[in-house]
Amino acid sequence: MTVELMAGAEHAAHVGEFAALYAQAQHFYDRQMQFLDTGGGEHWAAAFTEDAVVELPLLPAPLRARAGLTHYARAAAARRQRAGSRLHHWVGMLDVRPQPDATLHTRCSALAHATPPGATSKVLYVCVMEDVLVRAHGTWRTSHRRITRDDLA
């Protein structure tokens, strides 16, 4: 069996660079989902570019622009508050693929689960989330998101 190894320093630099990008993407999703779960619609929407497009499985058309995303997040938070339930998202199995144009293409699994007052948490949906992340003002932002749900595929 033959194994070809990259030069030590070159390989270490490549691995270190990728590890830093991966950690940044993971941190981005951790914060973005926490904003969504805590009713911080404006902060959640601020993690998107001004002209972002978000494709959600039950909407007849994509959500467009940050203002549309803010309105959507506020309406969802109001529905949850009226119902008295708490919503939490879990993101895992994150795949990060740096592109030549300096964007990141990501794909991950996402679970959304709700906890009604005095009841046990229930998984609402199992999704796949595919994003294009761009660097803007020193931070990552989503320019395009496509969400598919397993139960609707």
C-alpha atoms as a PDB file:
ATOM      1  CA  MET A   1       0.000   0.000   0.000  1.00  0.00           C
ATOM      2  CA  THR A   2       1.338   3.436  -0.934  1.00  0.00           C
ATOM      3  CA  VAL A   3       0.308   6.684   0.740  1.00  0.00           C
ATOM      4  CA  GLU A   4       1.179  10.030  -0.793  1.00  0.00           C
ATOM      5  CA  LEU A   5       1.639  12.832   1.717  1.00  0.00           C
ATOM      6  CA  MET A   6       1.640  16.572   1.078  1.00  0.00           C
ATOM      7  CA  ALA A   7       4.697  18.482   2.179  1.00  0.00           C
ATOM      8  CA  GLY A   8       4.505  19.005   5.953  1.00  0.00           C
ATOM      9  CA  ALA A   9       4.288  22.792   6.123  1.00  0.00           C
ATOM     10  CA  GLU A  10       2.006  23.078   3.077  1.00  0.00           C
ATOM     11  CA  HIS A  11      -0.367  20.456   4.451  1.00  0.00           C
ATOM     12  CA  ALA A  12      -0.424  22.028   7.919  1.00  0.00           C
ATOM     13  CA  ALA A  13      -1.216  25.470   6.461  1.00  0.00           C
ATOM     14  CA  HIS A  14      -4.043  24.038   4.338  1.00  0.00           C
ATOM     15  CA  VAL A  15      -5.528  22.098   7.262  1.00  0.00           C
ATOM     16  CA  GLY A  16      -5.234  25.109   9.573  1.00  0.00           C
ATOM     17  CA  GLU A  17      -6.910  27.411   7.058  1.00  0.00           C
ATOM     18  CA  PHE A  18      -9.786  24.984   6.513  1.00  0.00           C
ATOM     19  CA  ALA A  19     -10.183  24.393  10.259  1.00  0.00           C
ATOM     20  CA  ALA A  20     -10.492  28.150  10.811  1.00  0.00           C
ATOM     21  CA  LEU A  21     -13.164  28.458   8.077  1.00  0.00           C
ATOM     22  CA  TYR A  22     -15.060  25.483   9.471  1.00  0.00           C
ATOM     23  CA  ALA A  23     -15.013  26.932  12.995  1.00  0.00           C
ATOM     24  CA  GLN A  24     -16.256  30.274  11.643  1.00  0.00           C
ATOM     25  CA  ALA A  25     -19.128  28.569   9.818  1.00  0.00           C
ATOM     26  CA  GLN A  26     -20.074  26.545  12.898  1.00  0.00           C
ATOM     27  CA  HIS A  27     -20.045  29.680  15.053  1.00  0.00           C
ATOM     28  CA  PHE A  28     -22.154  31.503  12.445  1.00  0.00           C
ATOM     29  CA  TYR A  29     -24.881  28.829  12.594  1.00  0.00           C
ATOM     30  CA  ASP A  30     -24.752  28.584  16.387  1.00  0.00           C
ATOM     31  CA  ARG A  31     -25.431  32.308  16.742  1.00  0.00           C
ATOM     32  CA  GLN A  32     -27.954  32.550  13.915  1.00  0.00           C
ATOM     33  CA  MET A  33     -30.102  29.699  15.247  1.00  0.00           C
ATOM     34  CA  GLN A  34     -29.978  31.079  18.786  1.00  0.00           C
ATOM     35  CA  PHE A  35     -31.281  34.415  17.507  1.00  0.00           C
ATOM     36  CA  LEU A  36     -34.105  32.614  15.728  1.00  0.00           C
ATOM     37  CA  ASP A  37     -34.975  30.541  18.809  1.00  0.00           C
ATOM     38  CA  THR A  38     -35.008  33.484  21.219  1.00  0.00           C
ATOM     39  CA  GLY A  39     -37.219  35.736  19.102  1.00  0.00           C
ATOM     40  CA  GLY A  40     -34.386  37.977  17.933  1.00  0.00           C
ATOM     41  CA  GLY A  41     -35.772  38.304  14.407  1.00  0.00           C
ATOM     42  CA  GLU A  42     -33.780  41.420  13.567  1.00  0.00           C
ATOM     43  CA  HIS A  43     -30.512  39.814  14.654  1.00  0.00           C
ATOM     44  CA  TRP A  44     -31.376  36.596  12.788  1.00  0.00           C
ATOM     45  CA  ALA A  45     -32.188  38.566   9.630  1.00  0.00           C
ATOM     46  CA  ALA A  46     -28.994  40.621   9.986  1.00  0.00           C
ATOM     47  CA  ALA A  47     -27.069  37.383   9.384  1.00  0.00           C
ATOM     48  CA  PHE A  48     -28.295  37.548   5.756  1.00  0.00           C
ATOM     49  CA  THR A  49     -27.191  39.866   2.988  1.00  0.00           C
ATOM     50  CA  GLU A  50     -29.520  42.758   2.104  1.00  0.00           C
ATOM     51  CA  ASP A  51     -30.566  40.947  -1.096  1.00  0.00           C
ATOM     52  CA  ALA A  52     -30.701  37.433   0.340  1.00  0.00           C
ATOM     53  CA  VAL A  53     -33.048  34.776  -1.008  1.00  0.00           C
ATOM     54  CA  VAL A  54     -34.452  32.067   1.276  1.00  0.00           C
ATOM     55  CA  GLU A  55     -36.386  29.122  -0.130  1.00  0.00           C
ATOM     56  CA  LEU A  56     -38.660  27.497   2.459  1.00  0.00           C
ATOM     57  CA  PRO A  57     -40.690  24.387   1.642  1.00  0.00           C
ATOM     58  CA  LEU A  58     -44.169  25.630   2.639  1.00  0.00           C
ATOM     59  CA  LEU A  59     -43.990  29.123   1.185  1.00  0.00           C
ATOM     60  CA  PRO A  60     -45.284  29.697  -2.353  1.00  0.00           C
ATOM     61  CA  ALA A  61     -42.339  31.953  -3.205  1.00  0.00           C
ATOM     62  CA  PRO A  62     -38.882  32.558  -1.741  1.00  0.00           C
ATOM     63  CA  LEU A  63     -38.423  35.194   0.937  1.00  0.00           C
ATOM     64  CA  ARG A  64     -36.436  38.049  -0.519  1.00  0.00           C
ATOM     65  CA  ALA A  65     -34.325  40.715   1.129  1.00  0.00           C
ATOM     66  CA  ARG A  66     -33.557  41.269   4.767  1.00  0.00           C
ATOM     67  CA  ALA A  67     -36.833  43.156   5.419  1.00  0.00           C
ATOM     68  CA  GLY A  68     -38.867  40.132   4.310  1.00  0.00           C
ATOM     69  CA  LEU A  69     -36.798  37.853   6.529  1.00  0.00           C
ATOM     70  CA  THR A  70     -37.291  40.142   9.531  1.00  0.00           C
ATOM     71  CA  HIS A  71     -41.062  40.170   8.989  1.00  0.00           C
ATOM     72  CA  TYR A  72     -41.131  36.367   8.677  1.00  0.00           C
ATOM     73  CA  ALA A  73     -39.081  35.860  11.874  1.00  0.00           C
ATOM     74  CA  ARG A  74     -41.230  38.316  13.855  1.00  0.00           C
ATOM     75  CA  ALA A  75     -44.458  36.641  12.731  1.00  0.00           C
ATOM     76  CA  ALA A  76     -43.111  33.191  13.655  1.00  0.00           C
ATOM     77  CA  ALA A  77     -41.998  34.443  17.096  1.00  0.00           C
ATOM     78  CA  ALA A  78     -45.458  35.950  17.686  1.00  0.00           C
ATOM     79  CA  ARG A  79     -47.141  32.635  16.801  1.00  0.00           C
ATOM     80  CA  ARG A  80     -44.868  30.756  19.205  1.00  0.00           C
ATOM     81  CA  GLN A  81     -45.506  33.287  21.959  1.00  0.00           C
ATOM     82  CA  ARG A  82     -49.284  32.966  21.524  1.00  0.00           C
ATOM     83  CA  ALA A  83     -48.961  29.179  21.686  1.00  0.00           C
ATOM     84  CA  GLY A  84     -46.683  29.422  24.711  1.00  0.00           C
ATOM     85  CA  SER A  85     -44.196  26.971  23.221  1.00  0.00           C
ATOM     86  CA  ARG A  86     -40.432  27.265  22.926  1.00  0.00           C
ATOM     87  CA  LEU A  87     -38.647  26.451  19.689  1.00  0.00           C
ATOM     88  CA  HIS A  88     -35.086  25.211  19.389  1.00  0.00           C
ATOM     89  CA  HIS A  89     -32.986  24.369  16.353  1.00  0.00           C
ATOM     90  CA  TRP A  90     -30.098  21.941  16.256  1.00  0.00           C
ATOM     91  CA  VAL A  91     -27.662  22.090  13.355  1.00  0.00           C
ATOM     92  CA  GLY A  92     -25.255  19.240  12.697  1.00  0.00           C
ATOM     93  CA  MET A  93     -23.410  17.241  10.090  1.00  0.00           C
ATOM     94  CA  LEU A  94     -22.069  20.516   8.703  1.00  0.00           C
ATOM     95  CA  ASP A  95     -20.228  20.278   5.394  1.00  0.00           C
ATOM     96  CA  VAL A  96     -18.246  23.380   4.413  1.00  0.00           C
ATOM     97  CA  ARG A  97     -16.855  23.780   0.911  1.00  0.00           C
ATOM     98  CA  PRO A  98     -14.744  26.869   0.192  1.00  0.00           C
ATOM     99  CA  GLN A  99     -15.223  28.140  -3.360  1.00  0.00           C
ATOM    100  CA  PRO A 100     -12.767  29.911  -5.689  1.00  0.00           C
ATOM    101  CA  ASP A 101     -14.854  33.119  -5.428  1.00  0.00           C
ATOM    102  CA  ALA A 102     -14.240  33.168  -1.619  1.00  0.00           C
ATOM    103  CA  THR A 103     -17.804  32.105  -0.776  1.00  0.00           C
ATOM    104  CA  LEU A 104     -18.567  29.073   1.347  1.00  0.00           C
ATOM    105  CA  HIS A 105     -21.108  26.521   0.188  1.00  0.00           C
ATOM    106  CA  THR A 106     -22.508  24.714   3.198  1.00  0.00           C
ATOM    107  CA  ARG A 107     -24.904  21.852   3.747  1.00  0.00           C
ATOM    108  CA  CYS A 108     -26.143  20.610   7.094  1.00  0.00           C
ATOM    109  CA  SER A 109     -28.929  18.767   8.823  1.00  0.00           C
ATOM    110  CA  ALA A 110     -31.246  20.835  10.970  1.00  0.00           C
ATOM    111  CA  LEU A 111     -33.796  19.694  13.507  1.00  0.00           C
ATOM    112  CA  ALA A 112     -36.512  21.989  14.802  1.00  0.00           C
ATOM    113  CA  HIS A 113     -38.207  20.919  17.991  1.00  0.00           C
ATOM    114  CA  ALA A 114     -40.891  22.596  20.092  1.00  0.00           C
ATOM    115  CA  THR A 115     -41.626  22.382  23.781  1.00  0.00           C
ATOM    116  CA  PRO A 116     -45.207  23.277  24.708  1.00  0.00           C
ATOM    117  CA  PRO A 117     -45.798  24.457  28.297  1.00  0.00           C
ATOM    118  CA  GLY A 118     -45.625  21.509  30.682  1.00  0.00           C
ATOM    119  CA  ALA A 119     -45.066  18.990  27.904  1.00  0.00           C
ATOM    120  CA  THR A 120     -42.245  16.990  26.378  1.00  0.00           C
ATOM    121  CA  SER A 121     -40.299  18.347  23.425  1.00  0.00           C
ATOM    122  CA  LYS A 122     -41.331  17.087  19.998  1.00  0.00           C
ATOM    123  CA  VAL A 123     -39.375  17.162  16.769  1.00  0.00           C
ATOM    124  CA  LEU A 124     -41.308  19.315  14.314  1.00  0.00           C
ATOM    125  CA  TYR A 125     -39.149  18.816  11.246  1.00  0.00           C
ATOM    126  CA  VAL A 126     -35.975  17.259   9.976  1.00  0.00           C
ATOM    127  CA  CYS A 127     -34.436  19.461   7.307  1.00  0.00           C
ATOM    128  CA  VAL A 128     -31.467  19.865   5.038  1.00  0.00           C
ATOM    129  CA  MET A 129     -30.194  23.426   4.846  1.00  0.00           C
ATOM    130  CA  GLU A 130     -27.975  24.466   1.950  1.00  0.00           C
ATOM    131  CA  ASP A 131     -26.408  27.931   2.065  1.00  0.00           C
ATOM    132  CA  VAL A 132     -24.098  30.208   0.190  1.00  0.00           C
ATOM    133  CA  LEU A 133     -22.167  32.288   2.708  1.00  0.00           C
ATOM    134  CA  VAL A 134     -20.384  35.482   1.689  1.00  0.00           C
ATOM    135  CA  ARG A 135     -18.002  37.688   3.626  1.00  0.00           C
ATOM    136  CA  ALA A 136     -19.553  41.120   4.254  1.00  0.00           C
ATOM    137  CA  HIS A 137     -18.390  43.772   6.719  1.00  0.00           C
ATOM    138  CA  GLY A 138     -15.956  41.341   8.320  1.00  0.00           C
ATOM    139  CA  THR A 139     -18.468  38.586   9.022  1.00  0.00           C
ATOM    140  CA  TRP A 140     -20.190  35.742   7.202  1.00  0.00           C
ATOM    141  CA  ARG A 141     -23.709  36.334   5.901  1.00  0.00           C
ATOM    142  CA  THR A 142     -26.101  34.077   4.031  1.00  0.00           C
ATOM    143  CA  SER A 143     -26.837  35.229   0.490  1.00  0.00           C
ATOM    144  CA  HIS A 144     -28.911  32.197  -0.468  1.00  0.00           C
ATOM    145  CA  ARG A 145     -30.552  29.490   1.636  1.00  0.00           C
ATOM    146  CA  ARG A 146     -32.522  26.477   0.457  1.00  0.00           C
ATOM    147  CA  ILE A 147     -34.298  24.378   3.051  1.00  0.00           C
ATOM    148  CA  THR A 148     -35.857  21.030   2.253  1.00  0.00           C
ATOM    149  CA  ARG A 149     -37.852  18.944   4.712  1.00  0.00           C
ATOM    150  CA  ASP A 150     -37.638  15.161   4.817  1.00  0.00           C
ATOM    151  CA  ASP A 151     -41.398  14.763   5.245  1.00  0.00           C
ATOM    152  CA  LEU A 152     -42.097  16.838   2.122  1.00  0.00           C
ATOM    153  CA  ALA A 153     -39.424  15.389  -0.166  1.00  0.00           C
END
